[in-house]
Protein backbone atom coordinates (compact mmCIF):
# COMPACT_ATOMS: atom_id res chain seq x y z
CA MET A 1 -20.49 7.55 -22.73
CA LYS A 2 -18.51 4.47 -23.73
CA THR A 3 -14.76 4.66 -23.20
CA THR A 4 -12.56 3.04 -25.85
CA PHE A 5 -8.99 3.22 -27.03
CA ARG A 6 -8.79 4.02 -30.69
CA VAL A 7 -6.01 1.89 -32.10
CA SER A 8 -5.57 -0.10 -35.26
CA ARG A 9 -6.55 -3.74 -35.22
CA ASN A 10 -2.89 -4.54 -35.71
CA TYR A 11 -1.83 -2.66 -32.57
CA PRO A 12 0.46 -5.57 -31.53
CA LYS A 13 2.45 -4.80 -34.67
CA ILE A 14 2.56 -1.09 -33.74
CA LEU A 15 3.81 -1.96 -30.26
CA ARG A 16 6.48 -4.28 -31.70
CA ASN A 17 7.68 -1.57 -34.05
CA ARG A 18 7.88 1.01 -31.27
CA LYS A 19 9.72 -1.45 -29.07
CA ARG A 20 12.22 -2.25 -31.84
CA ARG A 21 12.86 1.42 -32.50
CA ILE A 22 13.64 2.19 -28.88
CA GLN A 23 15.77 -0.97 -28.59
CA ARG A 24 17.79 0.05 -31.64
CA ARG A 25 18.19 3.51 -30.19
CA LEU A 26 19.43 2.21 -26.86
CA ALA A 27 21.49 -0.69 -28.18
CA PRO A 28 25.16 -0.74 -27.02
CA ARG A 29 27.59 0.90 -29.43
CA HIS A 30 31.30 1.51 -29.68
CA TRP A 31 31.15 5.27 -29.33
CA GLU A 32 33.87 7.62 -30.43
CA ASP A 33 34.62 10.73 -28.43
CA GLN A 34 31.68 13.10 -28.98
CA GLU A 35 32.35 16.77 -29.59
CA GLN A 36 28.90 17.87 -28.39
CA PRO A 37 26.65 16.84 -25.50
CA MET A 38 24.04 14.18 -26.22
CA MET A 39 21.21 16.60 -25.38
CA ARG A 40 21.83 19.07 -28.16
CA GLY A 41 18.31 20.15 -29.15
CA SER A 42 18.25 23.97 -29.37
CA ASN A 43 15.91 24.84 -32.20
CA VAL A 44 12.83 24.53 -29.97
CA HIS A 45 9.48 26.14 -30.79
CA TYR A 46 6.01 26.02 -29.26
CA GLU A 47 2.65 26.38 -30.92
CA LEU A 48 -0.89 26.05 -29.61
CA SER A 49 -3.14 23.47 -31.22
CA GLY A 50 -6.51 24.82 -32.25
CA LYS A 51 -8.33 21.49 -32.51
CA THR A 52 -6.30 18.57 -31.18
CA ARG A 53 -6.67 18.00 -27.44
CA ALA A 54 -4.37 15.79 -25.45
CA THR A 55 -3.55 14.98 -21.83
CA GLY A 56 -0.79 13.25 -19.95
CA TYR A 57 -3.16 11.09 -17.89
CA GLY A 58 -3.94 8.42 -20.47
CA GLY A 59 -4.30 5.62 -17.94
CA MET A 60 -7.23 7.29 -16.21
CA GLY A 61 -9.74 6.09 -18.80
CA ALA A 62 -8.94 2.45 -18.04
CA VAL A 63 -9.01 3.04 -14.27
CA HIS A 64 -12.31 4.92 -14.43
CA LEU A 65 -13.86 2.16 -16.54
CA MET A 66 -12.59 -0.39 -14.00
CA VAL A 67 -14.23 1.59 -11.19
CA GLN A 68 -17.53 1.61 -13.07
CA ARG A 69 -17.39 -2.05 -14.09
CA LEU A 70 -16.64 -3.13 -10.53
CA GLY A 71 -19.68 -1.21 -9.32
CA LEU A 72 -17.88 1.20 -6.99
CA VAL A 73 -19.78 4.24 -8.31
CA ALA A 74 -23.15 2.56 -7.67
CA GLU A 75 -21.99 1.32 -4.23
CA ILE A 76 -21.08 4.83 -3.10
CA ASP A 77 -24.21 6.53 -4.45
CA GLN A 78 -26.56 3.91 -3.02
CA ASN A 79 -25.03 3.66 0.45
CA LEU A 80 -23.41 7.03 1.21
CA LYS A 81 -26.04 9.73 1.76
CA LEU A 82 -24.29 13.04 2.47
CA LEU A 83 -26.03 15.36 -0.03
CA LYS A 84 -29.72 16.23 0.05
CA VAL A 85 -29.64 17.32 -3.59
CA HIS A 86 -27.05 16.84 -6.29
CA LEU A 87 -26.22 20.25 -7.68
CA PRO A 88 -24.61 18.92 -9.80
CA CYS A 89 -22.29 16.29 -8.30
CA HIS A 90 -23.15 13.01 -6.59
CA GLU A 91 -21.31 11.51 -3.64
CA SER A 92 -19.32 9.25 -5.97
CA ASP A 93 -18.14 12.30 -7.94
CA HIS A 94 -16.71 13.86 -4.79
CA VAL A 95 -15.05 10.65 -3.59
CA LEU A 96 -13.49 9.87 -6.97
CA ASN A 97 -12.46 13.49 -7.43
CA LEU A 98 -10.23 13.25 -4.36
CA ALA A 99 -8.96 9.76 -5.23
CA TYR A 100 -8.23 10.64 -8.88
CA ASN A 101 -6.36 13.78 -7.84
CA VAL A 102 -3.96 11.50 -5.98
CA LEU A 103 -3.93 8.93 -8.79
CA VAL A 104 -2.57 11.46 -11.30
CA GLY A 105 0.16 12.65 -8.94
CA GLY A 106 -1.61 15.39 -6.98
CA GLU A 107 -0.20 15.94 -3.50
CA ARG A 108 -2.67 18.41 -1.99
CA LEU A 109 -6.23 19.64 -2.38
CA GLU A 110 -5.12 22.67 -4.38
CA ASP A 111 -3.87 20.36 -7.15
CA ILE A 112 -7.49 19.56 -8.00
CA GLU A 113 -7.70 22.97 -9.66
CA LEU A 114 -5.13 21.89 -12.24
CA ARG A 115 -7.35 19.00 -13.29
CA ARG A 116 -10.42 21.21 -13.12
CA GLN A 117 -8.88 23.55 -15.70
CA ASP A 118 -7.78 20.67 -17.96
CA GLU A 119 -10.43 20.31 -20.66
CA SER A 120 -8.90 17.09 -22.01
CA PHE A 121 -8.86 15.52 -18.54
CA LEU A 122 -12.55 16.37 -18.09
CA ASP A 123 -13.41 15.03 -21.55
CA GLY A 124 -11.55 11.82 -20.77
CA LEU A 125 -13.81 11.23 -17.76
CA GLY A 126 -16.93 12.36 -19.60
CA ALA A 127 -17.39 15.15 -17.04
CA GLN A 128 -18.53 18.70 -17.69
CA ARG A 129 -16.86 19.76 -14.44
CA ILE A 130 -15.43 18.40 -11.20
CA PRO A 131 -15.63 19.94 -7.70
CA ASP A 132 -13.11 22.65 -6.93
CA PRO A 133 -10.62 22.32 -4.03
CA THR A 134 -12.77 24.31 -1.60
CA THR A 135 -15.82 22.18 -2.33
CA ALA A 136 -13.71 19.04 -1.98
CA GLY A 137 -12.57 20.19 1.46
CA ASP A 138 -16.15 21.02 2.45
CA PHE A 139 -17.20 17.52 1.40
CA THR A 140 -14.81 15.93 3.92
CA ARG A 141 -16.46 17.95 6.69
CA ARG A 142 -19.86 16.37 5.97
CA PHE A 143 -18.76 12.97 7.26
CA SER A 144 -19.58 11.40 10.59
CA VAL A 145 -17.64 8.43 11.96
CA GLY A 146 -20.40 6.05 10.90
CA GLN A 147 -20.42 7.43 7.35
CA ILE A 148 -16.65 6.99 7.04
CA THR A 149 -17.10 3.37 8.06
CA GLN A 150 -19.88 3.01 5.50
CA LEU A 151 -17.62 4.41 2.80
CA GLN A 152 -14.90 1.90 3.68
CA GLU A 153 -17.46 -0.89 3.45
CA CYS A 154 -18.38 0.34 -0.04
CA PHE A 155 -14.72 -0.06 -0.99
CA ASN A 156 -14.61 -3.50 0.61
CA ARG A 157 -17.66 -4.84 -1.19
CA THR A 158 -16.02 -3.69 -4.41
CA ARG A 159 -12.68 -5.31 -3.59
CA GLN A 160 -14.46 -8.62 -3.00
CA ARG A 161 -15.55 -8.53 -6.64
CA VAL A 162 -11.90 -8.15 -7.63
CA TRP A 163 -10.97 -11.12 -5.43
CA GLN A 164 -13.67 -13.23 -7.07
CA LYS A 165 -11.92 -12.72 -10.41
CA GLN A 166 -8.69 -14.26 -9.11
CA PRO A 167 -7.54 -17.83 -9.82
CA ALA A 168 -8.15 -20.69 -7.41
CA GLY A 169 -5.91 -20.60 -4.36
CA PHE A 170 -5.52 -16.82 -4.57
CA LEU A 171 -5.82 -16.43 -0.79
CA ALA A 172 -5.08 -19.96 0.36
CA GLU A 173 -3.20 -18.34 3.25
CA ALA A 174 -4.16 -14.74 3.95
CA PHE A 175 -2.07 -12.54 6.25
CA ILE A 176 -3.78 -9.57 7.92
CA ASP A 177 -1.31 -7.06 9.33
CA VAL A 178 -2.14 -4.32 11.80
CA ASP A 179 -0.07 -1.43 13.06
CA GLY A 180 -0.31 2.17 14.18
CA THR A 181 1.75 5.13 13.05
CA ILE A 182 2.27 8.79 13.90
CA THR A 183 1.58 11.53 11.38
CA GLY A 184 2.53 15.01 12.45
CA THR A 185 1.22 18.45 11.68
CA TYR A 186 2.59 21.94 12.31
CA ALA A 187 -0.93 23.40 12.40
CA GLU A 188 -2.30 24.79 15.65
CA CYS A 189 -6.04 24.69 15.00
CA LYS A 190 -6.74 21.12 13.89
CA GLY A 191 -9.35 19.54 16.15
CA GLY A 192 -8.58 16.20 17.77
CA MET A 193 -4.80 16.38 17.46
CA ALA A 194 -2.62 15.56 20.45
CA LEU A 195 1.01 15.23 21.52
CA SER A 196 2.49 11.77 20.89
CA TYR A 197 5.05 9.98 23.06
CA LYS A 198 7.63 11.00 20.43
CA GLY A 199 6.89 14.67 21.06
CA ILE A 200 5.06 15.05 17.72
CA TRP A 201 1.78 16.93 17.49
CA GLY A 202 -0.73 15.24 15.22
CA TYR A 203 -2.69 12.03 14.80
CA ALA A 204 -2.10 8.28 15.17
CA PRO A 205 -3.79 6.42 12.31
CA LEU A 206 -4.42 2.69 12.64
CA VAL A 207 -3.70 0.69 9.47
CA VAL A 208 -5.17 -2.76 8.82
CA SER A 209 -3.87 -4.25 5.56
CA LEU A 210 -3.80 -7.50 3.60
CA ALA A 211 -0.16 -8.50 3.18
CA ASN A 212 -0.84 -10.71 0.13
CA THR A 213 -1.97 -7.78 -2.04
CA LYS A 214 -0.80 -4.80 0.06
CA GLU A 215 -4.39 -3.49 0.04
CA VAL A 216 -5.48 -1.24 2.88
CA LEU A 217 -8.61 -2.81 4.36
CA TYR A 218 -9.32 -0.24 7.06
CA LEU A 219 -7.89 3.12 8.11
CA VAL A 220 -8.80 4.68 11.43
CA ASN A 221 -7.75 8.14 12.55
CA ARG A 222 -7.02 8.76 16.24
CA PRO A 223 -5.34 11.42 18.38
CA ALA A 224 -1.56 11.06 18.53
CA ASN A 225 -1.51 10.33 22.27
CA VAL A 226 -3.44 7.02 22.08
CA ALA A 227 -1.77 3.64 22.52
CA SER A 228 -0.93 1.99 19.22
CA HIS A 229 -3.37 -0.90 19.81
CA GLN A 230 -6.27 1.18 21.14
CA ASP A 231 -9.67 0.25 19.63
CA SER A 232 -7.98 -2.10 17.17
CA VAL A 233 -9.87 -5.30 18.06
CA SER A 234 -13.15 -4.33 16.37
CA TRP A 235 -11.32 -3.31 13.19
CA ILE A 236 -9.36 -6.56 13.15
CA ASP A 237 -12.63 -8.47 13.47
CA ARG A 238 -14.07 -6.49 10.57
CA ALA A 239 -11.03 -7.32 8.44
CA VAL A 240 -11.34 -11.02 9.29
CA ALA A 241 -15.02 -11.02 8.31
CA LEU A 242 -14.10 -9.32 5.03
CA VAL A 243 -11.36 -11.76 4.06
CA LYS A 244 -12.89 -14.98 5.43
CA PRO A 245 -15.24 -15.78 2.48
CA VAL A 246 -12.31 -16.03 0.04
CA ALA A 247 -9.45 -17.15 2.30
CA GLY A 248 -8.49 -20.72 3.05
CA GLN A 249 -6.68 -19.72 6.23
CA ILE A 250 -6.23 -16.36 7.94
CA THR A 251 -3.22 -15.39 10.03
CA LEU A 252 -3.19 -12.20 12.09
CA ARG A 253 0.15 -10.45 12.57
CA GLY A 254 1.15 -7.55 14.76
CA ASP A 255 3.98 -6.27 16.91
CA THR A 256 4.13 -6.40 20.69
CA ASP A 257 1.47 -3.69 21.07
CA PHE A 258 -1.07 -5.97 19.41
CA SER A 259 -0.66 -9.18 21.43
CA HIS A 260 -4.31 -8.85 22.62
CA THR A 261 -4.05 -11.83 24.96
CA ALA A 262 -7.67 -11.34 26.09
CA GLN A 263 -8.83 -12.06 22.52
CA LEU A 264 -6.63 -15.04 21.66
CA ASP A 265 -8.98 -17.78 22.90
CA ARG A 266 -11.89 -16.29 20.94
CA TRP A 267 -9.80 -16.00 17.77
CA ASP A 268 -8.44 -19.53 18.21
CA GLU A 269 -11.95 -20.96 18.61
CA LYS A 270 -12.95 -19.33 15.30
CA GLY A 271 -10.09 -21.08 13.54
CA LEU A 272 -7.97 -17.96 13.14
CA LYS A 273 -4.21 -18.19 13.30
CA PHE A 274 -2.00 -15.51 14.77
CA ILE A 275 1.68 -14.63 15.05
CA LEU A 276 1.98 -11.73 17.48
CA GLY A 277 4.89 -10.11 19.21
CA LEU A 278 4.98 -10.36 22.99
CA ASP A 279 6.70 -7.90 25.31
CA ALA A 280 9.84 -9.16 27.01
CA HIS A 281 8.36 -8.81 30.49
CA PRO A 282 10.15 -10.42 33.48
CA LYS A 283 7.97 -13.57 33.49
CA VAL A 284 8.77 -14.70 29.94
CA VAL A 285 12.39 -13.56 30.23
CA ALA A 286 12.75 -15.79 33.30
CA LEU A 287 11.24 -18.70 31.35
CA ALA A 288 13.72 -18.12 28.51
CA GLU A 289 16.67 -17.92 30.87
CA GLY A 290 15.52 -21.16 32.55
CA LEU A 291 15.79 -23.15 29.32
CA SER A 292 18.74 -25.52 29.13
CA GLU A 293 21.41 -24.80 26.56
CA ARG A 294 20.36 -27.94 24.67
CA SER A 295 16.98 -26.31 24.02
CA TRP A 296 18.57 -23.63 21.85
CA ARG A 297 19.80 -24.02 18.30
CA PRO A 298 21.37 -21.50 15.91
CA LEU A 299 18.78 -19.48 13.99
CA LYS A 300 19.20 -19.93 10.25
CA ARG A 301 17.41 -17.04 8.61
CA LEU A 302 15.35 -18.12 5.62
CA PRO A 303 16.32 -16.34 2.37
CA LYS A 304 14.02 -13.46 1.44
CA TYR A 305 14.06 -14.41 -2.22
CA GLU A 306 15.48 -17.00 -4.59
CA ILE A 307 18.74 -16.06 -6.30
CA LEU A 308 18.25 -16.74 -10.02
CA THR A 309 21.84 -16.11 -11.13
CA GLU A 310 24.87 -16.12 -8.83
CA PRO A 311 25.20 -14.79 -5.27
CA ARG A 312 26.72 -11.33 -5.13
CA SER A 313 29.60 -10.46 -2.90
CA ARG A 314 28.77 -8.23 0.02
CA ARG A 315 29.38 -4.56 -0.47
CA GLU A 316 31.73 -2.64 1.77
CA ARG A 317 29.94 -1.56 4.95
CA VAL A 318 30.78 2.14 4.91
CA LYS A 319 28.46 3.03 7.78
CA GLU A 320 30.04 0.40 10.04
CA GLN A 321 33.51 1.74 9.30
CA THR A 322 32.43 5.30 10.14
CA VAL A 323 30.89 4.16 13.45
CA VAL A 324 34.16 2.50 14.43
CA GLN A 325 36.37 5.37 13.28
CA LYS A 326 34.30 8.02 15.09
CA GLY A 327 34.07 5.99 18.27
CA TYR A 328 30.28 5.86 18.32
CA LEU A 329 28.45 3.41 20.56
CA ASN A 330 27.94 0.30 18.45
CA GLN A 331 25.89 -2.85 18.99
CA LYS A 332 27.07 -5.80 16.92
CA LEU A 333 25.15 -9.04 16.54
CA VAL A 334 27.39 -11.95 17.51
CA ALA A 335 24.95 -14.87 17.32
CA GLU A 336 21.26 -15.72 17.16
CA HIS A 337 19.61 -18.77 18.70
CA VAL A 338 16.00 -19.89 18.70
CA SER A 339 13.80 -22.11 20.81
CA ASP A 340 10.12 -22.61 21.58
CA MET A 341 7.89 -23.72 24.43
CA THR A 342 4.25 -23.78 25.45
CA TYR A 343 3.00 -20.73 27.31
CA GLN A 344 -0.35 -19.65 28.74
CA PRO A 345 -0.81 -15.86 29.00
CA HIS A 346 -2.62 -14.52 32.04
CA HIS A 347 -5.82 -13.64 30.13
CA CYS A 348 -5.97 -16.94 28.22
CA GLY A 349 -7.60 -20.21 29.16
CA ARG A 350 -5.33 -22.37 27.04
CA LYS A 351 -1.68 -22.72 26.15
CA TYR A 352 -0.07 -21.47 22.97
CA ARG A 353 3.32 -21.69 21.33
CA LEU A 354 5.95 -19.20 22.39
CA VAL A 355 8.86 -18.87 19.94
CA ILE A 356 11.92 -17.21 21.48
CA VAL A 357 14.83 -15.60 19.66
CA ARG A 358 17.96 -15.02 21.73
CA LYS A 359 20.37 -12.43 20.36
CA ASN A 360 23.89 -12.19 21.68
CA LEU A 361 25.13 -8.65 21.24
CA SER A 362 28.55 -7.10 21.68
CA VAL A 363 28.36 -3.47 22.79
CA GLN A 364 31.43 -1.60 21.55
CA ARG A 365 32.81 1.89 21.31
CA GLY A 366 35.26 2.25 18.50
CA GLU A 367 37.34 -0.92 18.61
CA ARG A 368 36.90 -1.41 22.39
CA VAL A 369 34.41 -4.02 23.61
CA LEU A 370 32.49 -2.56 26.54
CA PHE A 371 30.30 -5.54 27.49
CA ASP A 372 28.19 -8.36 26.09
CA GLU A 373 24.41 -8.30 26.22
CA VAL A 374 21.67 -10.87 25.66
CA ARG A 375 18.25 -9.81 24.39
CA TYR A 376 15.14 -11.92 23.93
CA PHE A 377 12.39 -11.51 21.36
CA PHE A 378 9.11 -13.36 21.79
CA TYR A 379 6.46 -14.42 19.28
CA LEU A 380 3.16 -15.86 20.50
CA THR A 381 1.36 -18.08 18.00
CA ASN A 382 -1.08 -20.95 17.55
CA ARG A 383 0.75 -22.09 14.42
CA TRP A 384 2.12 -25.53 15.26
CA ASP A 385 2.46 -26.49 11.60
CA ARG A 386 5.55 -24.37 10.93
CA SER A 387 9.15 -24.66 12.09
CA VAL A 388 10.52 -22.04 14.46
CA GLU A 389 12.57 -20.57 11.60
CA GLU A 390 9.41 -20.19 9.52
CA ILE A 391 7.54 -18.58 12.41
CA VAL A 392 10.34 -16.04 12.86
CA SER A 393 10.37 -15.36 9.11
CA LEU A 394 6.59 -14.88 8.98
CA ALA A 395 6.69 -12.62 12.04
CA ASN A 396 9.43 -10.50 10.48
CA GLY A 397 7.42 -10.39 7.24
CA ARG A 398 4.95 -8.12 8.97
CA CYS A 399 7.60 -5.41 8.74
CA ASP A 400 6.71 -5.10 5.06
CA GLN A 401 3.60 -3.26 6.25
CA GLU A 402 5.94 -0.40 7.12
CA ASN A 403 6.47 0.00 3.36
CA VAL A 404 2.70 0.23 2.85
CA ILE A 405 2.48 2.89 5.57
CA GLU A 406 5.39 4.76 4.00
CA GLN A 407 3.60 4.72 0.63
CA LEU A 408 0.42 6.02 2.25
CA LYS A 409 2.39 8.83 3.86
CA ASN A 410 4.78 9.90 1.12
CA GLY A 411 3.69 8.15 -2.06
CA VAL A 412 -0.07 8.67 -1.93
CA ASN A 413 0.17 11.54 0.58
CA ALA A 414 -3.01 10.25 2.22
CA MET A 415 -1.82 11.33 5.66
CA ARG A 416 -1.15 14.99 4.99
CA MET A 417 -4.16 15.87 7.19
CA PRO A 418 -5.12 18.89 5.06
CA VAL A 419 -8.52 19.76 6.54
CA ASP A 420 -10.10 20.78 9.83
CA ASP A 421 -10.39 18.08 12.46
CA LEU A 422 -9.90 14.43 13.27
CA VAL A 423 -13.04 13.17 11.49
CA SER A 424 -12.69 15.26 8.32
CA ASN A 425 -9.01 14.31 8.04
CA TRP A 426 -10.03 10.69 8.55
CA ALA A 427 -12.46 11.02 5.64
CA TYR A 428 -9.77 12.56 3.43
CA MET A 429 -7.31 9.85 4.41
CA VAL A 430 -9.75 7.09 3.43
CA MET A 431 -10.60 8.67 0.06
CA ALA A 432 -6.98 9.40 -0.81
CA ALA A 433 -5.97 5.84 0.15
CA LEU A 434 -8.50 4.60 -2.40
CA ALA A 435 -5.90 5.53 -5.02
CA TRP A 436 -3.51 3.00 -3.47
CA ASN A 437 -6.20 0.32 -3.52
CA LEU A 438 -7.06 1.11 -7.14
CA LYS A 439 -3.44 0.37 -7.98
CA ALA A 440 -3.76 -3.04 -6.30
CA TRP A 441 -7.08 -3.82 -8.02
CA TYR A 442 -5.67 -2.91 -11.41
CA GLY A 443 -2.65 -5.14 -10.82
CA LEU A 444 -4.89 -8.05 -9.78
CA LEU A 445 -6.85 -7.71 -13.04
CA VAL A 446 -3.77 -7.88 -15.29
CA PRO A 447 -4.10 -11.15 -17.27
CA ASP A 448 -0.39 -11.93 -16.99
CA ARG A 449 -0.20 -13.01 -13.34
CA GLU A 450 3.50 -12.28 -12.84
CA ARG A 451 3.28 -8.83 -14.41
CA GLY A 452 0.18 -8.06 -12.38
CA LEU A 453 1.85 -8.96 -9.11
CA GLU A 454 4.77 -6.76 -10.10
CA LEU A 455 2.33 -3.85 -10.34
CA VAL A 456 0.82 -4.79 -6.97
CA ARG A 457 4.26 -4.70 -5.34
CA MET A 458 5.33 -1.58 -7.22
CA GLU A 459 5.86 1.78 -5.49
CA PHE A 460 3.05 4.22 -6.17
CA ARG A 461 5.10 6.76 -8.13
CA ARG A 462 6.52 4.11 -10.41
CA PHE A 463 3.01 2.78 -11.05
CA LEU A 464 1.88 6.26 -12.06
CA HIS A 465 4.60 6.54 -14.69
CA ALA A 466 4.02 3.00 -15.96
CA ILE A 467 0.21 2.99 -16.22
CA ILE A 468 -1.38 6.39 -15.51
CA LEU A 469 0.85 9.13 -16.92
CA LEU A 470 0.53 8.13 -20.56
CA PRO A 471 0.33 10.86 -23.24
CA VAL A 472 -2.93 10.48 -25.17
CA GLN A 473 -5.12 12.38 -27.59
CA ILE A 474 -8.74 12.62 -26.44
CA ILE A 475 -11.41 12.37 -29.13
CA ARG A 476 -15.12 12.58 -28.37
CA ALA A 477 -17.22 11.34 -31.27
CA GLY A 478 -20.13 8.99 -31.86
CA ARG A 479 -21.01 8.89 -28.14
CA ARG A 480 -17.58 7.47 -27.45
CA ILE A 481 -14.52 8.74 -25.63
CA MET A 482 -11.46 7.61 -27.53
CA TYR A 483 -7.99 7.62 -25.99
CA ARG A 484 -5.36 7.64 -28.76
CA LEU A 485 -2.04 6.68 -27.20
CA LEU A 486 0.88 8.74 -28.45
CA GLY A 487 3.88 7.31 -26.65
CA TYR A 488 5.40 3.99 -25.70
CA ASN A 489 6.68 2.19 -22.63
CA GLY A 490 7.27 -1.44 -21.76
CA TRP A 491 3.91 -1.81 -19.99
CA LEU A 492 1.64 -1.00 -22.93
CA LYS A 493 1.19 -4.63 -23.95
CA ASP A 494 -0.11 -5.45 -20.47
CA PHE A 495 -2.10 -2.21 -20.46
CA PHE A 496 -4.09 -3.21 -23.56
CA ALA A 497 -4.59 -6.77 -22.31
CA THR A 498 -5.90 -5.46 -18.99
CA PHE A 499 -8.18 -2.94 -20.67
CA LYS A 500 -9.64 -5.72 -22.80
CA ARG A 501 -10.34 -7.73 -19.64
CA ILE A 502 -11.93 -4.71 -17.94
CA THR A 503 -14.29 -4.12 -20.86
CA VAL A 504 -15.80 -7.60 -20.50
CA LEU A 505 -16.27 -7.44 -16.73
CA GLU A 506 -19.87 -7.73 -15.67
CA THR A 507 -20.99 -4.50 -14.06
CA GLY A 508 -21.02 -4.96 -10.28
């Protein structure tokens, strides 16, 4: 069935009128003292509609059409063979069922039942039924490690089609970030879980992401007791191969656990750039301490963003005051200096650039200074084209991946680990994280570039309320599924423009 949005041809006029009405309603006024609260509605009644059907997930029609136009459904069904017969659902139905549950705000498998009982939601997707929560959980247990990898490659072939729709210079400089995290569980019977160094029982997913678009390229589930960098090299290589066809230059970024000195020569020969943290082991600390004072210069941190109006005054540091008043141990930054030098790691056959940040700290308790301390931070790179300040800024930029991981954990809830063992939870994690990637793909397809990038950077919950959770009336007639939008928000203009672009995409 063809999905359309039934609106008048003059829908820009309708949007303008709705915008004007809400602006008039919210315009500043000189209020007099009000005798009653603003929320004074009391004569409330409910009635059940006999014919009209509506749902609060109006954005799902556009997302589902995007998924079809990009060829993700065909990719999954052609390459993922988990079911001998389809009675009645295909592999793509199961994968999208889990992803769409997340994309409409579901937090656990049981929430699928709410969508399964929603006739309007089913009509909007053109589905007679969707798998129930138990069946969805059983589907995750069908996966092997190889099949999870195959599913991720289906996603990646689809994302490349999105990248091909981007303007020239889209990935002139691509940054691939890699990090591990700990996700805990209170369960006692989940296979493959272990005790982490933090004393948390659970798993240690590896996350490889593209910083430019915040897309998750690969997710790997591991026991919680593994080292953060364990088995990461092969996944980094996969990510590089994925991004290379569309990227002008690729830079790998990771913290000190991902220095991978045994791989640096190979990566450098392939033309890859890297900015990786290096542990402050005695050898490099001795090199830093041996530098003359003339080799150091004050580190001027580059601004994180451009101030468009006027600089704001700094707010009162309440936490700092409490630390001093309570006499807590306090480390205060006194000064930062930076320098660089050539350095050849033990496992490398060539020299690279070592950027060193020296932090002078004052360790205090209350208002008493206990002692001064000097700490060194090291960044190993083959980027000779950037200043030391820029290298430090780019290295610190990898910390933004922590926001992606936070969204995967608590926005998308992809790391709830709701099923049996390491592999099945890995499968669930990958399918739930598809919802996060769908957000990025949708943002990249918004015709207005600035507005699209705002969606890409947006937190998941805010994206849901802006694009997905739109009240609509669902009408099925003439072999069409019509979404009649009933409400208004400031993103509808971009929503219609994006839907128009999606409808003309060539099917992948």
